[in-house]
N, C-alpha and C. Protein backbone atom coordinates (compact mmCIF):
# COMPACT_ATOMS: atom_id res chain seq x y z
N MET A 1 53.85 201.70 114.75
CA MET A 1 54.95 201.05 114.07
C MET A 1 55.54 199.90 114.88
N GLY A 2 55.65 200.02 116.18
CA GLY A 2 56.07 198.92 117.03
C GLY A 2 57.40 198.32 116.61
N SER A 3 57.47 196.99 116.59
CA SER A 3 58.71 196.31 116.24
C SER A 3 58.83 196.05 114.75
N ARG A 4 57.78 196.38 114.00
CA ARG A 4 57.83 196.15 112.56
C ARG A 4 58.79 197.13 111.91
N GLN A 5 59.24 196.80 110.72
CA GLN A 5 60.13 197.66 109.96
C GLN A 5 59.29 198.40 108.93
N ASP A 6 58.68 199.53 109.32
CA ASP A 6 57.92 200.37 108.40
C ASP A 6 58.79 201.57 108.06
N GLN A 7 58.93 201.87 106.78
CA GLN A 7 59.76 202.97 106.35
C GLN A 7 59.01 203.76 105.30
N PRO A 8 59.25 205.09 105.24
CA PRO A 8 58.66 205.85 104.15
C PRO A 8 59.22 205.36 102.82
N ALA A 9 58.36 205.28 101.81
CA ALA A 9 58.82 204.88 100.47
C ALA A 9 59.53 206.06 99.83
N VAL A 10 60.57 205.78 99.06
CA VAL A 10 61.29 206.84 98.36
C VAL A 10 60.74 206.96 96.94
N ASN A 11 61.16 208.01 96.23
CA ASN A 11 60.67 208.23 94.86
C ASN A 11 60.79 206.98 94.02
N GLY A 12 59.76 206.68 93.25
CA GLY A 12 59.77 205.52 92.38
C GLY A 12 59.31 204.25 93.07
N GLU A 13 59.01 204.30 94.37
CA GLU A 13 58.59 203.12 95.11
C GLU A 13 57.16 203.23 95.61
N GLN A 14 56.38 204.11 95.04
CA GLN A 14 55.04 204.31 95.56
C GLN A 14 54.01 203.43 94.87
N GLY A 15 54.47 202.41 94.21
CA GLY A 15 53.55 201.43 93.63
C GLY A 15 52.66 202.02 92.56
N ASN A 16 51.40 202.27 92.88
CA ASN A 16 50.43 202.72 91.88
C ASN A 16 50.30 204.23 91.81
N GLY A 17 51.31 204.97 92.24
CA GLY A 17 51.31 206.41 92.08
C GLY A 17 50.55 207.15 93.16
N ALA A 18 50.26 206.55 94.27
CA ALA A 18 49.51 207.18 95.34
C ALA A 18 50.36 208.19 96.08
N GLY A 19 49.74 208.94 96.97
CA GLY A 19 50.43 209.95 97.76
C GLY A 19 51.38 209.33 98.76
N ALA A 20 51.10 209.56 100.05
CA ALA A 20 51.97 209.05 101.11
C ALA A 20 52.01 207.53 101.10
N ALA A 21 53.20 206.99 101.15
CA ALA A 21 53.37 205.54 101.13
C ALA A 21 54.49 205.15 102.08
N TYR A 22 54.45 203.93 102.56
CA TYR A 22 55.54 203.40 103.36
C TYR A 22 55.78 201.95 102.97
N VAL A 23 56.95 201.45 103.36
CA VAL A 23 57.37 200.10 102.99
C VAL A 23 57.35 199.22 104.24
N ARG A 24 56.82 198.00 104.09
CA ARG A 24 56.84 196.99 105.15
C ARG A 24 57.56 195.77 104.60
N TYR A 25 58.23 195.06 105.47
CA TYR A 25 58.90 193.82 105.08
C TYR A 25 58.21 192.68 105.80
N ARG A 26 57.66 191.74 105.04
CA ARG A 26 56.82 190.69 105.60
C ARG A 26 57.60 189.38 105.74
N GLU A 27 57.01 188.24 105.33
CA GLU A 27 57.59 186.93 105.59
C GLU A 27 58.94 186.73 104.89
N CYS A 28 59.78 185.95 105.55
CA CYS A 28 61.10 185.64 105.02
C CYS A 28 60.96 184.60 103.91
N GLN A 29 61.67 184.82 102.80
CA GLN A 29 61.59 183.92 101.65
C GLN A 29 62.93 183.23 101.37
N ARG A 30 63.85 183.29 102.32
CA ARG A 30 65.16 182.68 102.11
C ARG A 30 65.02 181.16 102.05
N ASN A 31 65.62 180.58 101.02
CA ASN A 31 65.60 179.13 100.85
C ASN A 31 66.78 178.54 101.62
N HIS A 32 66.50 177.93 102.77
CA HIS A 32 67.55 177.39 103.62
C HIS A 32 68.05 176.03 103.15
N ALA A 33 67.37 175.40 102.21
CA ALA A 33 67.75 174.06 101.75
C ALA A 33 68.30 174.05 100.33
N ILE A 34 68.72 175.20 99.84
CA ILE A 34 69.19 175.27 98.45
C ILE A 34 70.45 174.42 98.25
N GLY A 35 71.25 174.27 99.27
CA GLY A 35 72.49 173.49 99.17
C GLY A 35 72.25 172.02 98.86
N ILE A 36 71.07 171.51 99.21
CA ILE A 36 70.75 170.11 98.92
C ILE A 36 69.71 169.98 97.82
N GLY A 37 69.45 171.10 97.11
CA GLY A 37 68.53 171.06 95.98
C GLY A 37 67.06 171.02 96.36
N ARG A 38 66.72 171.46 97.54
CA ARG A 38 65.33 171.46 98.00
C ARG A 38 64.88 172.89 98.26
N TYR A 39 63.65 173.04 98.74
CA TYR A 39 63.10 174.36 99.06
C TYR A 39 62.51 174.32 100.46
N ALA A 40 63.04 175.13 101.36
CA ALA A 40 62.53 175.19 102.74
C ALA A 40 62.75 176.59 103.29
N VAL A 41 61.70 177.19 103.81
CA VAL A 41 61.80 178.50 104.45
C VAL A 41 61.70 178.31 105.96
N ASP A 42 62.09 179.34 106.72
CA ASP A 42 62.15 179.20 108.18
C ASP A 42 60.85 179.53 108.90
N GLY A 43 59.87 180.09 108.23
CA GLY A 43 58.59 180.38 108.86
C GLY A 43 58.50 181.75 109.49
N CYS A 44 59.54 182.57 109.42
CA CYS A 44 59.50 183.93 109.96
C CYS A 44 58.45 184.72 109.20
N GLN A 45 57.49 185.30 109.88
CA GLN A 45 56.36 185.96 109.23
C GLN A 45 56.52 187.46 109.02
N GLU A 46 57.47 188.10 109.69
CA GLU A 46 57.64 189.53 109.52
C GLU A 46 59.02 189.96 109.98
N PHE A 47 59.64 190.87 109.22
CA PHE A 47 60.94 191.40 109.57
C PHE A 47 60.83 192.20 110.87
N THR A 48 61.72 191.92 111.82
CA THR A 48 61.76 192.62 113.09
C THR A 48 63.15 193.21 113.25
N VAL A 49 63.22 194.51 113.50
CA VAL A 49 64.50 195.21 113.59
C VAL A 49 65.24 194.82 114.86
N LEU A 50 66.56 194.59 114.71
CA LEU A 50 67.42 194.41 115.88
C LEU A 50 67.65 195.78 116.50
N MET A 51 67.32 195.96 117.74
CA MET A 51 67.48 197.25 118.40
C MET A 51 68.81 197.30 119.15
N GLY A 52 69.36 198.51 119.29
CA GLY A 52 70.58 198.70 120.07
C GLY A 52 71.85 198.22 119.39
N VAL A 53 71.85 198.17 118.06
CA VAL A 53 73.04 197.75 117.31
C VAL A 53 73.37 198.81 116.27
N ASP A 54 74.52 198.65 115.59
CA ASP A 54 74.89 199.62 114.57
C ASP A 54 73.97 199.51 113.35
N GLU A 55 74.09 200.48 112.43
CA GLU A 55 73.18 200.53 111.28
C GLU A 55 73.23 199.30 110.40
N ALA A 56 74.41 198.74 110.18
CA ALA A 56 74.53 197.55 109.33
C ALA A 56 73.79 196.37 109.93
N ALA A 57 73.89 196.19 111.23
CA ALA A 57 73.21 195.07 111.90
C ALA A 57 71.71 195.27 111.95
N MET A 58 71.22 196.50 111.81
CA MET A 58 69.78 196.75 111.82
C MET A 58 69.09 196.16 110.60
N LEU A 59 69.87 195.76 109.59
CA LEU A 59 69.30 195.14 108.40
C LEU A 59 69.11 193.64 108.57
N LEU A 60 69.48 193.11 109.73
CA LEU A 60 69.29 191.69 110.03
C LEU A 60 68.03 191.54 110.87
N CYS A 61 67.24 190.52 110.58
CA CYS A 61 65.99 190.28 111.28
C CYS A 61 66.28 189.71 112.67
N ALA A 62 65.65 190.27 113.70
CA ALA A 62 65.82 189.76 115.06
C ALA A 62 65.19 188.38 115.22
N ALA A 63 64.18 188.06 114.43
CA ALA A 63 63.48 186.78 114.56
C ALA A 63 64.23 185.63 113.88
N CYS A 64 64.70 185.85 112.64
CA CYS A 64 65.30 184.73 111.90
C CYS A 64 66.78 184.93 111.57
N GLY A 65 67.31 186.14 111.73
CA GLY A 65 68.72 186.39 111.47
C GLY A 65 69.06 186.66 110.01
N CYS A 66 68.07 186.61 109.13
CA CYS A 66 68.30 186.85 107.70
C CYS A 66 68.37 188.35 107.41
N HIS A 67 69.01 188.71 106.32
CA HIS A 67 69.05 190.09 105.87
C HIS A 67 67.66 190.52 105.42
N ARG A 68 67.37 191.80 105.55
CA ARG A 68 66.06 192.34 105.18
C ARG A 68 65.68 192.03 103.73
N ASN A 69 66.66 191.91 102.84
CA ASN A 69 66.38 191.63 101.43
C ASN A 69 65.67 190.30 101.21
N PHE A 70 65.77 189.36 102.15
CA PHE A 70 65.10 188.08 102.01
C PHE A 70 63.62 188.16 102.35
N HIS A 71 63.18 189.25 102.95
CA HIS A 71 61.78 189.40 103.35
C HIS A 71 60.97 190.06 102.24
N ARG A 72 59.74 189.55 102.03
CA ARG A 72 58.87 190.10 100.99
C ARG A 72 58.56 191.56 101.30
N ARG A 73 58.70 192.40 100.31
CA ARG A 73 58.56 193.85 100.45
C ARG A 73 57.17 194.30 100.01
N GLU A 74 56.49 195.06 100.85
CA GLU A 74 55.18 195.63 100.52
C GLU A 74 55.28 197.14 100.54
N VAL A 75 54.66 197.79 99.56
CA VAL A 75 54.52 199.24 99.58
C VAL A 75 53.06 199.53 99.87
N VAL A 76 52.80 200.21 100.98
CA VAL A 76 51.44 200.51 101.41
C VAL A 76 51.18 201.99 101.17
N ASN A 77 50.04 202.29 100.51
CA ASN A 77 49.68 203.68 100.27
C ASN A 77 48.18 203.84 100.48
N GLU A 78 47.64 205.01 100.19
CA GLU A 78 46.23 205.29 100.46
C GLU A 78 45.28 204.43 99.63
N PHE A 79 45.75 203.80 98.56
CA PHE A 79 44.90 202.96 97.73
C PHE A 79 45.01 201.48 98.07
N GLY A 80 45.89 201.12 98.97
CA GLY A 80 46.05 199.72 99.33
C GLY A 80 47.50 199.31 99.37
N VAL A 81 47.74 198.04 99.10
CA VAL A 81 49.08 197.46 99.20
C VAL A 81 49.53 196.97 97.84
N ASP A 82 50.74 197.34 97.45
CA ASP A 82 51.39 196.77 96.28
C ASP A 82 52.55 195.93 96.80
N TYR A 83 52.64 194.69 96.40
CA TYR A 83 53.73 193.86 96.88
C TYR A 83 54.22 192.95 95.78
N HIS A 84 55.42 192.44 96.00
CA HIS A 84 56.01 191.49 95.07
C HIS A 84 55.57 190.10 95.50
N ALA A 85 55.02 189.34 94.59
CA ALA A 85 54.54 187.99 94.91
C ALA A 85 55.70 187.12 95.36
N PRO A 86 55.46 186.25 96.33
CA PRO A 86 56.54 185.37 96.79
C PRO A 86 56.97 184.39 95.71
N ARG A 87 58.22 183.97 95.78
CA ARG A 87 58.75 183.00 94.82
C ARG A 87 58.09 181.66 95.08
N THR A 88 57.64 181.03 94.03
CA THR A 88 57.11 179.68 94.17
C THR A 88 58.15 178.72 93.61
N PRO A 89 58.43 177.66 94.33
CA PRO A 89 59.46 176.73 93.86
C PRO A 89 59.01 176.00 92.60
N PRO A 90 59.95 175.60 91.75
CA PRO A 90 59.59 174.80 90.57
C PRO A 90 58.87 173.53 90.99
N ALA A 91 58.10 172.96 90.08
CA ALA A 91 57.26 171.80 90.38
C ALA A 91 58.04 170.64 90.98
N ASP A 92 59.26 170.39 90.51
CA ASP A 92 60.02 169.25 91.03
C ASP A 92 60.47 169.47 92.47
N GLU A 93 60.54 170.72 92.94
CA GLU A 93 60.91 170.99 94.32
C GLU A 93 59.75 170.76 95.28
N ASN A 94 58.52 170.71 94.76
CA ASN A 94 57.35 170.51 95.62
C ASN A 94 57.17 169.06 96.00
N ARG A 95 57.78 168.16 95.27
CA ARG A 95 57.64 166.73 95.57
C ARG A 95 58.45 166.36 96.79
N ARG A 96 57.95 165.45 97.56
CA ARG A 96 58.67 164.99 98.77
C ARG A 96 58.99 163.54 98.66
């Protein structure tokens, strides 16, 4: 498990109905440029737990400082990985 945030999945979160499953939080999807009408992420590739802090602060990523909810959630079970596809910006946000 190391520094990654792996957690057992709770009822209803086992994706395709497999047995033992756990949840991983991957790349950060927070749009840091929404205030100026653009799309920019920080490049954080995996949620890392802040160690030695209270429970509320453990939900903040040690790498990027974002809340865990901004990180893409994967449910891993014996049949593979079920995950939510990352948000893709609208076509006009892709133009530079």
